[in-house]
């Protein structure tokens, strides 16, 4: 299980999603199923096809990278970070190597 989790909220719809940061134990054990459970259809399909072509060895790559891909897709879909669980937002952003947009607090 990831140490840090970022809670994202879509400011337009109010929908919230939780994204773990770092190594993905769920991808390690279950392959493309975590992407299915998160309704991340694009990465579920990519991971499934890659697993078929590589006889499952692609999971060795995706267990290190999938959570970062998921966070990037959430940001591109308009989600903004509401809070972080188990860490510091600036440190986590530096670890991911990307800027994480945050919700404006009133």
PDB file of N, CA and C in Angstrom:
ATOM      1  N   UNK A   1       0.843  -1.172   0.000  1.00  0.00           N
ATOM      2  CA  UNK A   1       0.000   0.000   0.000  1.00  0.00           C
ATOM      3  C   UNK A   1       0.892   1.240   0.000  1.00  0.00           C
ATOM      4  N   UNK A   2       0.477   2.218  -0.754  1.00  0.00           N
ATOM      5  CA  UNK A   2       1.253   3.450  -0.857  1.00  0.00           C
ATOM      6  C   UNK A   2       1.218   4.224   0.456  1.00  0.00           C
ATOM      7  N   UNK A   3       2.331   4.897   0.721  1.00  0.00           N
ATOM      8  CA  UNK A   3       2.441   5.662   1.957  1.00  0.00           C
ATOM      9  C   UNK A   3       1.592   6.928   1.906  1.00  0.00           C
ATOM     10  N   UNK A   4       1.643   7.640   0.790  1.00  0.00           N
ATOM     11  CA  UNK A   4       0.872   8.875   0.641  1.00  0.00           C
ATOM     12  C   UNK A   4      -0.290   8.647  -0.305  1.00  0.00           C
ATOM     13  N   UNK A   5      -1.367   9.382  -0.056  1.00  0.00           N
ATOM     14  CA  UNK A   5      -2.523   9.385  -0.944  1.00  0.00           C
ATOM     15  C   UNK A   5      -2.954  10.829  -1.117  1.00  0.00           C
ATOM     16  N   UNK A   6      -3.226  11.195  -2.354  1.00  0.00           N
ATOM     17  CA  UNK A   6      -3.720  12.532  -2.651  1.00  0.00           C
ATOM     18  C   UNK A   6      -5.217  12.416  -2.904  1.00  0.00           C
ATOM     19  N   UNK A   7      -5.978  13.262  -2.243  1.00  0.00           N
ATOM     20  CA  UNK A   7      -7.421  13.312  -2.458  1.00  0.00           C
ATOM     21  C   UNK A   7      -7.685  14.420  -3.469  1.00  0.00           C
ATOM     22  N   UNK A   8      -8.226  14.030  -4.624  1.00  0.00           N
ATOM     23  CA  UNK A   8      -8.525  14.974  -5.693  1.00  0.00           C
ATOM     24  C   UNK A   8     -10.018  15.255  -5.732  1.00  0.00           C
ATOM     25  N   UNK A   9     -10.365  16.478  -6.144  1.00  0.00           N
ATOM     26  CA  UNK A   9     -11.760  16.848  -6.344  1.00  0.00           C
ATOM     27  C   UNK A   9     -11.887  17.584  -7.662  1.00  0.00           C
ATOM     28  N   UNK A  10     -12.933  17.266  -8.394  1.00  0.00           N
ATOM     29  CA  UNK A  10     -13.214  17.985  -9.628  1.00  0.00           C
ATOM     30  C   UNK A  10     -14.051  19.205  -9.260  1.00  0.00           C
ATOM     31  N   UNK A  11     -13.523  20.420  -9.458  1.00  0.00           N
ATOM     32  CA  UNK A  11     -14.256  21.618  -9.038  1.00  0.00           C
ATOM     33  C   UNK A  11     -15.583  21.810  -9.774  1.00  0.00           C
ATOM     34  N   UNK A  12     -15.716  21.249 -10.972  1.00  0.00           N
ATOM     35  CA  UNK A  12     -16.948  21.430 -11.744  1.00  0.00           C
ATOM     36  C   UNK A  12     -18.043  20.472 -11.292  1.00  0.00           C
ATOM     37  N   UNK A  13     -17.673  19.234 -10.981  1.00  0.00           N
ATOM     38  CA  UNK A  13     -18.681  18.221 -10.644  1.00  0.00           C
ATOM     39  C   UNK A  13     -18.738  17.910  -9.156  1.00  0.00           C
ATOM     40  N   UNK A  14     -17.682  18.231  -8.416  1.00  0.00           N
ATOM     41  CA  UNK A  14     -17.627  17.907  -7.000  1.00  0.00           C
ATOM     42  C   UNK A  14     -17.231  16.463  -6.727  1.00  0.00           C
ATOM     43  N   UNK A  15     -16.960  15.692  -7.782  1.00  0.00           N
ATOM     44  CA  UNK A  15     -16.578  14.289  -7.617  1.00  0.00           C
ATOM     45  C   UNK A  15     -15.173  14.199  -7.034  1.00  0.00           C
ATOM     46  N   UNK A  16     -15.005  13.287  -6.081  1.00  0.00           N
ATOM     47  CA  UNK A  16     -13.711  13.132  -5.418  1.00  0.00           C
ATOM     48  C   UNK A  16     -13.119  11.765  -5.734  1.00  0.00           C
ATOM     49  N   UNK A  17     -11.786  11.740  -5.897  1.00  0.00           N
ATOM     50  CA  UNK A  17     -11.062  10.500  -6.132  1.00  0.00           C
ATOM     51  C   UNK A  17      -9.793  10.517  -5.308  1.00  0.00           C
ATOM     52  N   UNK A  18      -9.399   9.346  -4.839  1.00  0.00           N
ATOM     53  CA  UNK A  18      -8.194   9.190  -4.036  1.00  0.00           C
ATOM     54  C   UNK A  18      -7.136   8.505  -4.899  1.00  0.00           C
ATOM     55  N   UNK A  19      -5.932   9.067  -4.933  1.00  0.00           N
ATOM     56  CA  UNK A  19      -4.856   8.513  -5.761  1.00  0.00           C
ATOM     57  C   UNK A  19      -3.631   8.229  -4.902  1.00  0.00           C
ATOM     58  N   UNK A  20      -3.230   6.964  -4.821  1.00  0.00           N
ATOM     59  CA  UNK A  20      -2.008   6.641  -4.087  1.00  0.00           C
ATOM     60  C   UNK A  20      -0.783   7.118  -4.858  1.00  0.00           C
ATOM     61  N   UNK A  21       0.299   7.344  -4.132  1.00  0.00           N
ATOM     62  CA  UNK A  21       1.544   7.826  -4.729  1.00  0.00           C
ATOM     63  C   UNK A  21       2.614   6.770  -4.533  1.00  0.00           C
ATOM     64  N   UNK A  22       3.390   6.523  -5.590  1.00  0.00           N
ATOM     65  CA  UNK A  22       4.511   5.596  -5.472  1.00  0.00           C
ATOM     66  C   UNK A  22       4.203   4.206  -5.986  1.00  0.00           C
ATOM     67  N   UNK A  23       4.929   3.237  -5.460  1.00  0.00           N
ATOM     68  CA  UNK A  23       4.832   1.838  -5.876  1.00  0.00           C
ATOM     69  C   UNK A  23       3.414   1.310  -5.685  1.00  0.00           C
ATOM     70  N   UNK A  24       2.910   0.565  -6.681  1.00  0.00           N
ATOM     71  CA  UNK A  24       1.557   0.050  -6.615  1.00  0.00           C
ATOM     72  C   UNK A  24       1.563  -1.449  -6.315  1.00  0.00           C
ATOM     73  N   UNK A  25       1.299  -1.777  -5.059  1.00  0.00           N
ATOM     74  CA  UNK A  25       1.216  -3.179  -4.676  1.00  0.00           C
ATOM     75  C   UNK A  25       0.024  -3.853  -5.330  1.00  0.00           C
ATOM     76  N   UNK A  26      -1.052  -3.104  -5.557  1.00  0.00           N
ATOM     77  CA  UNK A  26      -2.227  -3.708  -6.173  1.00  0.00           C
ATOM     78  C   UNK A  26      -1.940  -4.136  -7.609  1.00  0.00           C
ATOM     79  N   UNK A  27      -1.193  -3.340  -8.348  1.00  0.00           N
ATOM     80  CA  UNK A  27      -0.806  -3.741  -9.705  1.00  0.00           C
ATOM     81  C   UNK A  27       0.153  -4.919  -9.639  1.00  0.00           C
ATOM     82  N   UNK A  28       1.022  -4.937  -8.658  1.00  0.00           N
ATOM     83  CA  UNK A  28       1.951  -6.049  -8.484  1.00  0.00           C
ATOM     84  C   UNK A  28       1.196  -7.369  -8.324  1.00  0.00           C
ATOM     85  N   UNK A  29       0.162  -7.368  -7.488  1.00  0.00           N
ATOM     86  CA  UNK A  29      -0.570  -8.602  -7.223  1.00  0.00           C
ATOM     87  C   UNK A  29      -1.703  -8.888  -8.203  1.00  0.00           C
ATOM     88  N   UNK A  30      -2.363  -7.828  -8.731  1.00  0.00           N
ATOM     89  CA  UNK A  30      -3.582  -8.033  -9.504  1.00  0.00           C
ATOM     90  C   UNK A  30      -3.529  -7.533 -10.938  1.00  0.00           C
ATOM     91  N   UNK A  31      -2.372  -7.057 -11.405  1.00  0.00           N
ATOM     92  CA  UNK A  31      -2.243  -6.643 -12.801  1.00  0.00           C
ATOM     93  C   UNK A  31      -3.097  -5.445 -13.153  1.00  0.00           C
ATOM     94  N   UNK A  32      -3.926  -5.596 -14.185  1.00  0.00           N
ATOM     95  CA  UNK A  32      -4.714  -4.466 -14.679  1.00  0.00           C
ATOM     96  C   UNK A  32      -6.013  -4.239 -13.906  1.00  0.00           C
ATOM     97  N   UNK A  33      -6.369  -5.115 -12.975  1.00  0.00           N
ATOM     98  CA  UNK A  33      -7.637  -4.979 -12.255  1.00  0.00           C
ATOM     99  C   UNK A  33      -7.759  -3.689 -11.432  1.00  0.00           C
ATOM    100  N   UNK A  34      -6.709  -3.179 -10.785  1.00  0.00           N
ATOM    101  CA  UNK A  34      -6.879  -1.901 -10.072  1.00  0.00           C
ATOM    102  C   UNK A  34      -7.331  -0.766 -10.983  1.00  0.00           C
ATOM    103  N   UNK A  35      -6.841  -0.742 -12.225  1.00  0.00           N
ATOM    104  CA  UNK A  35      -7.290   0.284 -13.166  1.00  0.00           C
ATOM    105  C   UNK A  35      -8.771   0.109 -13.481  1.00  0.00           C
ATOM    106  N   UNK A  36      -9.234  -1.127 -13.593  1.00  0.00           N
ATOM    107  CA  UNK A  36     -10.659  -1.369 -13.822  1.00  0.00           C
ATOM    108  C   UNK A  36     -11.500  -0.871 -12.649  1.00  0.00           C
ATOM    109  N   UNK A  37     -11.061  -1.161 -11.432  1.00  0.00           N
ATOM    110  CA  UNK A  37     -11.817  -0.745 -10.255  1.00  0.00           C
ATOM    111  C   UNK A  37     -11.836   0.760 -10.070  1.00  0.00           C
ATOM    112  N   UNK A  38     -10.842   1.456 -10.603  1.00  0.00           N
ATOM    113  CA  UNK A  38     -10.810   2.923 -10.544  1.00  0.00           C
ATOM    114  C   UNK A  38     -11.526   3.550 -11.733  1.00  0.00           C
ATOM    115  N   UNK A  39     -12.114   2.736 -12.602  1.00  0.00           N
ATOM    116  CA  UNK A  39     -12.767   3.194 -13.839  1.00  0.00           C
ATOM    117  C   UNK A  39     -11.793   3.923 -14.745  1.00  0.00           C
ATOM    118  N   UNK A  40     -10.564   3.487 -14.743  1.00  0.00           N
ATOM    119  CA  UNK A  40      -9.513   4.045 -15.592  1.00  0.00           C
ATOM    120  C   UNK A  40      -9.382   3.135 -16.814  1.00  0.00           C
ATOM    121  N   UNK A  41     -10.357   3.267 -17.726  1.00  0.00           N
ATOM    122  CA  UNK A  41     -10.485   2.329 -18.842  1.00  0.00           C
ATOM    123  C   UNK A  41      -9.279   2.348 -19.765  1.00  0.00           C
ATOM    124  N   UNK A  42      -8.732   3.519 -20.017  1.00  0.00           N
ATOM    125  CA  UNK A  42      -7.586   3.621 -20.934  1.00  0.00           C
ATOM    126  C   UNK A  42      -6.413   2.792 -20.431  1.00  0.00           C
ATOM    127  N   UNK A  43      -6.019   2.994 -19.172  1.00  0.00           N
ATOM    128  CA  UNK A  43      -4.863   2.277 -18.648  1.00  0.00           C
ATOM    129  C   UNK A  43      -5.167   0.815 -18.390  1.00  0.00           C
ATOM    130  N   UNK A  44      -6.418   0.477 -18.116  1.00  0.00           N
ATOM    131  CA  UNK A  44      -6.785  -0.934 -17.966  1.00  0.00           C
ATOM    132  C   UNK A  44      -6.573  -1.659 -19.286  1.00  0.00           C
ATOM    133  N   UNK A  45      -7.000  -1.030 -20.379  1.00  0.00           N
ATOM    134  CA  UNK A  45      -6.812  -1.647 -21.701  1.00  0.00           C
ATOM    135  C   UNK A  45      -5.340  -1.742 -22.069  1.00  0.00           C
ATOM    136  N   UNK A  46      -4.589  -0.676 -21.819  1.00  0.00           N
ATOM    137  CA  UNK A  46      -3.159  -0.683 -22.129  1.00  0.00           C
ATOM    138  C   UNK A  46      -2.444  -1.755 -21.324  1.00  0.00           C
ATOM    139  N   UNK A  47      -2.738  -1.845 -20.039  1.00  0.00           N
ATOM    140  CA  UNK A  47      -2.076  -2.829 -19.186  1.00  0.00           C
ATOM    141  C   UNK A  47      -2.481  -4.255 -19.562  1.00  0.00           C
ATOM    142  N   UNK A  48      -3.739  -4.463 -19.952  1.00  0.00           N
ATOM    143  CA  UNK A  48      -4.202  -5.782 -20.352  1.00  0.00           C
ATOM    144  C   UNK A  48      -3.502  -6.240 -21.631  1.00  0.00           C
ATOM    145  N   UNK A  49      -3.453  -5.361 -22.628  1.00  0.00           N
ATOM    146  CA  UNK A  49      -2.807  -5.706 -23.901  1.00  0.00           C
ATOM    147  C   UNK A  49      -1.308  -5.935 -23.696  1.00  0.00           C
ATOM    148  N   UNK A  50      -0.680  -5.075 -22.889  1.00  0.00           N
ATOM    149  CA  UNK A  50       0.756  -5.250 -22.609  1.00  0.00           C
ATOM    150  C   UNK A  50       1.014  -6.565 -21.877  1.00  0.00           C
ATOM    151  N   UNK A  51       0.112  -6.933 -20.966  1.00  0.00           N
ATOM    152  CA  UNK A  51       0.278  -8.200 -20.239  1.00  0.00           C
ATOM    153  C   UNK A  51       0.136  -9.389 -21.182  1.00  0.00           C
ATOM    154  N   UNK A  52      -0.792  -9.297 -22.118  1.00  0.00           N
ATOM    155  CA  UNK A  52      -0.948 -10.377 -23.095  1.00  0.00           C
ATOM    156  C   UNK A  52       0.295 -10.523 -23.965  1.00  0.00           C
ATOM    157  N   UNK A  53       0.817  -9.393 -24.418  1.00  0.00           N
ATOM    158  CA  UNK A  53       1.980  -9.421 -25.323  1.00  0.00           C
ATOM    159  C   UNK A  53       3.264  -9.828 -24.609  1.00  0.00           C
ATOM    160  N   UNK A  54       3.363  -9.565 -23.318  1.00  0.00           N
ATOM    161  CA  UNK A  54       4.610  -9.833 -22.592  1.00  0.00           C
ATOM    162  C   UNK A  54       4.484 -10.997 -21.612  1.00  0.00           C
ATOM    163  N   UNK A  55       3.382 -11.759 -21.713  1.00  0.00           N
ATOM    164  CA  UNK A  55       3.134 -12.884 -20.808  1.00  0.00           C
ATOM    165  C   UNK A  55       3.157 -12.451 -19.333  1.00  0.00           C
ATOM    166  N   UNK A  56       2.652 -11.241 -19.072  1.00  0.00           N
ATOM    167  CA  UNK A  56       2.532 -10.737 -17.713  1.00  0.00           C
ATOM    168  C   UNK A  56       3.734  -9.976 -17.185  1.00  0.00           C
ATOM    169  N   UNK A  57       4.831  -9.968 -17.929  1.00  0.00           N
ATOM    170  CA  UNK A  57       6.036  -9.282 -17.440  1.00  0.00           C
ATOM    171  C   UNK A  57       5.903  -7.761 -17.432  1.00  0.00           C
ATOM    172  N   UNK A  58       4.932  -7.231 -18.179  1.00  0.00           N
ATOM    173  CA  UNK A  58       4.740  -5.782 -18.197  1.00  0.00           C
ATOM    174  C   UNK A  58       4.325  -5.252 -16.824  1.00  0.00           C
ATOM    175  N   UNK A  59       3.779  -6.113 -15.979  1.00  0.00           N
ATOM    176  CA  UNK A  59       3.404  -5.687 -14.621  1.00  0.00           C
ATOM    177  C   UNK A  59       4.618  -5.209 -13.840  1.00  0.00           C
ATOM    178  N   UNK A  60       5.792  -5.720 -14.167  1.00  0.00           N
ATOM    179  CA  UNK A  60       7.018  -5.260 -13.505  1.00  0.00           C
ATOM    180  C   UNK A  60       7.288  -3.794 -13.797  1.00  0.00           C
ATOM    181  N   UNK A  61       6.865  -3.315 -14.950  1.00  0.00           N
ATOM    182  CA  UNK A  61       6.993  -1.902 -15.291  1.00  0.00           C
ATOM    183  C   UNK A  61       5.856  -1.092 -14.669  1.00  0.00           C
ATOM    184  N   UNK A  62       4.620  -1.571 -14.844  1.00  0.00           N
ATOM    185  CA  UNK A  62       3.458  -0.798 -14.403  1.00  0.00           C
ATOM    186  C   UNK A  62       3.342  -0.672 -12.894  1.00  0.00           C
ATOM    187  N   UNK A  63       3.877  -1.605 -12.132  1.00  0.00           N
ATOM    188  CA  UNK A  63       3.759  -1.477 -10.676  1.00  0.00           C
ATOM    189  C   UNK A  63       4.566  -0.290 -10.149  1.00  0.00           C
ATOM    190  N   UNK A  64       5.569   0.153 -10.913  1.00  0.00           N
ATOM    191  CA  UNK A  64       6.343   1.332 -10.525  1.00  0.00           C
ATOM    192  C   UNK A  64       5.786   2.625 -11.112  1.00  0.00           C
ATOM    193  N   UNK A  65       5.005   2.555 -12.190  1.00  0.00           N
ATOM    194  CA  UNK A  65       4.605   3.762 -12.910  1.00  0.00           C
ATOM    195  C   UNK A  65       3.104   4.052 -12.927  1.00  0.00           C
ATOM    196  N   UNK A  66       2.257   3.054 -12.682  1.00  0.00           N
ATOM    197  CA  UNK A  66       0.820   3.259 -12.890  1.00  0.00           C
ATOM    198  C   UNK A  66       0.239   4.380 -12.031  1.00  0.00           C
ATOM    199  N   UNK A  67       0.597   4.461 -10.764  1.00  0.00           N
ATOM    200  CA  UNK A  67       0.016   5.504  -9.910  1.00  0.00           C
ATOM    201  C   UNK A  67       0.332   6.903 -10.431  1.00  0.00           C
ATOM    202  N   UNK A  68       1.529   7.095 -10.976  1.00  0.00           N
ATOM    203  CA  UNK A  68       1.889   8.401 -11.544  1.00  0.00           C
ATOM    204  C   UNK A  68       1.054   8.682 -12.795  1.00  0.00           C
ATOM    205  N   UNK A  69       0.862   7.667 -13.644  1.00  0.00           N
ATOM    206  CA  UNK A  69       0.019   7.833 -14.826  1.00  0.00           C
ATOM    207  C   UNK A  69      -1.412   8.196 -14.429  1.00  0.00           C
ATOM    208  N   UNK A  70      -1.914   7.552 -13.387  1.00  0.00           N
ATOM    209  CA  UNK A  70      -3.276   7.808 -12.910  1.00  0.00           C
ATOM    210  C   UNK A  70      -3.414   9.249 -12.405  1.00  0.00           C
ATOM    211  N   UNK A  71      -2.427   9.724 -11.658  1.00  0.00           N
ATOM    212  CA  UNK A  71      -2.447  11.100 -11.156  1.00  0.00           C
ATOM    213  C   UNK A  71      -2.408  12.091 -12.313  1.00  0.00           C
ATOM    214  N   UNK A  72      -1.564  11.847 -13.310  1.00  0.00           N
ATOM    215  CA  UNK A  72      -1.491  12.740 -14.478  1.00  0.00           C
ATOM    216  C   UNK A  72      -2.826  12.807 -15.196  1.00  0.00           C
ATOM    217  N   UNK A  73      -3.473  11.649 -15.366  1.00  0.00           N
ATOM    218  CA  UNK A  73      -4.770  11.633 -16.047  1.00  0.00           C
ATOM    219  C   UNK A  73      -5.843  12.367 -15.248  1.00  0.00           C
ATOM    220  N   UNK A  74      -5.814  12.249 -13.922  1.00  0.00           N
ATOM    221  CA  UNK A  74      -6.776  12.992 -13.104  1.00  0.00           C
ATOM    222  C   UNK A  74      -6.571  14.495 -13.260  1.00  0.00           C
ATOM    223  N   UNK A  75      -5.321  14.933 -13.234  1.00  0.00           N
ATOM    224  CA  UNK A  75      -5.018  16.362 -13.387  1.00  0.00           C
ATOM    225  C   UNK A  75      -5.465  16.850 -14.765  1.00  0.00           C
ATOM    226  N   UNK A  76      -5.197  16.054 -15.803  1.00  0.00           N
ATOM    227  CA  UNK A  76      -5.613  16.431 -17.160  1.00  0.00           C
ATOM    228  C   UNK A  76      -7.131  16.467 -17.308  1.00  0.00           C
ATOM    229  N   UNK A  77      -7.846  15.699 -16.485  1.00  0.00           N
ATOM    230  CA  UNK A  77      -9.308  15.694 -16.526  1.00  0.00           C
ATOM    231  C   UNK A  77      -9.906  16.841 -15.711  1.00  0.00           C
ATOM    232  N   UNK A  78      -9.070  17.671 -15.109  1.00  0.00           N
ATOM    233  CA  UNK A  78      -9.561  18.840 -14.381  1.00  0.00           C
ATOM    234  C   UNK A  78      -9.618  18.691 -12.877  1.00  0.00           C
ATOM    235  N   UNK A  79      -9.185  17.565 -12.347  1.00  0.00           N
ATOM    236  CA  UNK A  79      -9.180  17.367 -10.903  1.00  0.00           C
ATOM    237  C   UNK A  79      -8.072  18.197 -10.266  1.00  0.00           C
ATOM    238  N   UNK A  80      -8.345  18.648  -9.045  1.00  0.00           N
ATOM    239  CA  UNK A  80      -7.357  19.405  -8.276  1.00  0.00           C
ATOM    240  C   UNK A  80      -7.220  18.772  -6.898  1.00  0.00           C
ATOM    241  N   UNK A  81      -6.021  18.859  -6.355  1.00  0.00           N
ATOM    242  CA  UNK A  81      -5.753  18.244  -5.057  1.00  0.00           C
ATOM    243  C   UNK A  81      -6.485  19.004  -3.957  1.00  0.00           C
ATOM    244  N   UNK A  82      -7.212  18.252  -3.149  1.00  0.00           N
ATOM    245  CA  UNK A  82      -7.906  18.839  -2.013  1.00  0.00           C
ATOM    246  C   UNK A  82      -7.040  18.727  -0.762  1.00  0.00           C
ATOM    247  N   UNK A  83      -6.448  17.555  -0.561  1.00  0.00           N
ATOM    248  CA  UNK A  83      -5.587  17.306   0.590  1.00  0.00           C
ATOM    249  C   UNK A  83      -4.689  16.120   0.285  1.00  0.00           C
ATOM    250  N   UNK A  84      -3.734  15.907   1.163  1.00  0.00           N
ATOM    251  CA  UNK A  84      -2.868  14.741   1.047  1.00  0.00           C
ATOM    252  C   UNK A  84      -2.884  14.000   2.379  1.00  0.00           C
ATOM    253  N   UNK A  85      -2.906  12.690   2.285  1.00  0.00           N
ATOM    254  CA  UNK A  85      -2.918  11.839   3.478  1.00  0.00           C
ATOM    255  C   UNK A  85      -1.546  11.195   3.614  1.00  0.00           C
ATOM    256  N   UNK A  86      -0.891  11.404   4.730  1.00  0.00           N
ATOM    257  CA  UNK A  86       0.376  10.739   5.002  1.00  0.00           C
ATOM    258  C   UNK A  86       1.599  11.379   4.386  1.00  0.00           C
ATOM    259  N   UNK A  87       1.546  12.645   4.083  1.00  0.00           N
ATOM    260  CA  UNK A  87       2.723  13.283   3.505  1.00  0.00           C
ATOM    261  C   UNK A  87       2.554  14.783   3.342  1.00  0.00           C
ATOM    262  N   UNK A  88       3.518  15.391   2.672  1.00  0.00           N
ATOM    263  CA  UNK A  88       3.539  16.819   2.410  1.00  0.00           C
ATOM    264  C   UNK A  88       3.352  17.034   0.912  1.00  0.00           C
ATOM    265  N   UNK A  89       2.470  17.955   0.517  1.00  0.00           N
ATOM    266  CA  UNK A  89       2.131  18.167  -0.882  1.00  0.00           C
ATOM    267  C   UNK A  89       3.345  18.578  -1.713  1.00  0.00           C
ATOM    268  N   UNK A  90       4.166  19.491  -1.201  1.00  0.00           N
ATOM    269  CA  UNK A  90       5.324  19.957  -1.967  1.00  0.00           C
ATOM    270  C   UNK A  90       6.351  18.839  -2.165  1.00  0.00           C
ATOM    271  N   UNK A  91       6.590  18.065  -1.110  1.00  0.00           N
ATOM    272  CA  UNK A  91       7.536  16.955  -1.208  1.00  0.00           C
ATOM    273  C   UNK A  91       7.031  15.896  -2.180  1.00  0.00           C
ATOM    274  N   UNK A  92       5.742  15.604  -2.118  1.00  0.00           N
ATOM    275  CA  UNK A  92       5.150  14.608  -3.013  1.00  0.00           C
ATOM    276  C   UNK A  92       5.198  15.089  -4.455  1.00  0.00           C
ATOM    277  N   UNK A  93       4.914  16.359  -4.696  1.00  0.00           N
ATOM    278  CA  UNK A  93       4.989  16.906  -6.051  1.00  0.00           C
ATOM    279  C   UNK A  93       6.409  16.813  -6.594  1.00  0.00           C
ATOM    280  N   UNK A  94       7.396  17.097  -5.739  1.00  0.00           N
ATOM    281  CA  UNK A  94       8.789  16.988  -6.167  1.00  0.00           C
ATOM    282  C   UNK A  94       9.147  15.536  -6.458  1.00  0.00           C
ATOM    283  N   UNK A  95       8.655  14.624  -5.648  1.00  0.00           N
ATOM    284  CA  UNK A  95       8.928  13.202  -5.854  1.00  0.00           C
ATOM    285  C   UNK A  95       8.325  12.724  -7.175  1.00  0.00           C
ATOM    286  N   UNK A  96       7.132  13.224  -7.506  1.00  0.00           N
ATOM    287  CA  UNK A  96       6.484  12.852  -8.758  1.00  0.00           C
ATOM    288  C   UNK A  96       7.077  13.580  -9.956  1.00  0.00           C
ATOM    289  N   UNK A  97       7.738  14.699  -9.705  1.00  0.00           N
ATOM    290  CA  UNK A  97       8.328  15.481 -10.787  1.00  0.00           C
ATOM    291  C   UNK A  97       7.298  16.260 -11.582  1.00  0.00           C
ATOM    292  N   UNK A  98       6.225  16.670 -10.930  1.00  0.00           N
ATOM    293  CA  UNK A  98       5.185  17.432 -11.618  1.00  0.00           C
ATOM    294  C   UNK A  98       4.527  18.415 -10.663  1.00  0.00           C
ATOM    295  N   UNK A  99       3.905  19.403 -11.245  1.00  0.00           N
ATOM    296  CA  UNK A  99       3.144  20.380 -10.471  1.00  0.00           C
ATOM    297  C   UNK A  99       1.761  19.807 -10.209  1.00  0.00           C
ATOM    298  N   UNK A 100       1.302  19.851  -8.972  1.00  0.00           N
ATOM    299  CA  UNK A 100      -0.023  19.337  -8.623  1.00  0.00           C
ATOM    300  C   UNK A 100      -0.923  20.531  -8.314  1.00  0.00           C
ATOM    301  N   UNK A 101      -1.912  20.799  -9.177  1.00  0.00           N
ATOM    302  CA  UNK A 101      -2.819  21.929  -8.909  1.00  0.00           C
ATOM    303  C   UNK A 101      -3.665  21.657  -7.677  1.00  0.00           C
ATOM    304  N   UNK A 102      -3.870  22.701  -6.879  1.00  0.00           N
ATOM    305  CA  UNK A 102      -4.618  22.542  -5.636  1.00  0.00           C
ATOM    306  C   UNK A 102      -5.885  23.386  -5.686  1.00  0.00           C
ATOM    307  N   UNK A 103      -6.901  22.931  -4.977  1.00  0.00           N
ATOM    308  CA  UNK A 103      -8.135  23.680  -4.867  1.00  0.00           C
ATOM    309  C   UNK A 103      -7.884  24.958  -4.077  1.00  0.00           C
ATOM    310  N   UNK A 104      -8.609  25.996  -4.448  1.00  0.00           N
ATOM    311  CA  UNK A 104      -8.539  27.252  -3.714  1.00  0.00           C
ATOM    312  C   UNK A 104      -9.337  27.105  -2.429  1.00  0.00           C
ATOM    313  N   UNK A 105      -8.736  27.454  -1.318  1.00  0.00           N
ATOM    314  CA  UNK A 105      -9.455  27.374  -0.040  1.00  0.00           C
ATOM    315  C   UNK A 105      -9.958  28.766   0.332  1.00  0.00           C
ATOM    316  N   UNK A 106     -11.162  28.803   0.835  1.00  0.00           N
ATOM    317  CA  UNK A 106     -11.756  30.112   1.177  1.00  0.00           C
ATOM    318  C   UNK A 106     -11.459  30.472   2.604  1.00  0.00           C
TER     319      UNK A 106
END
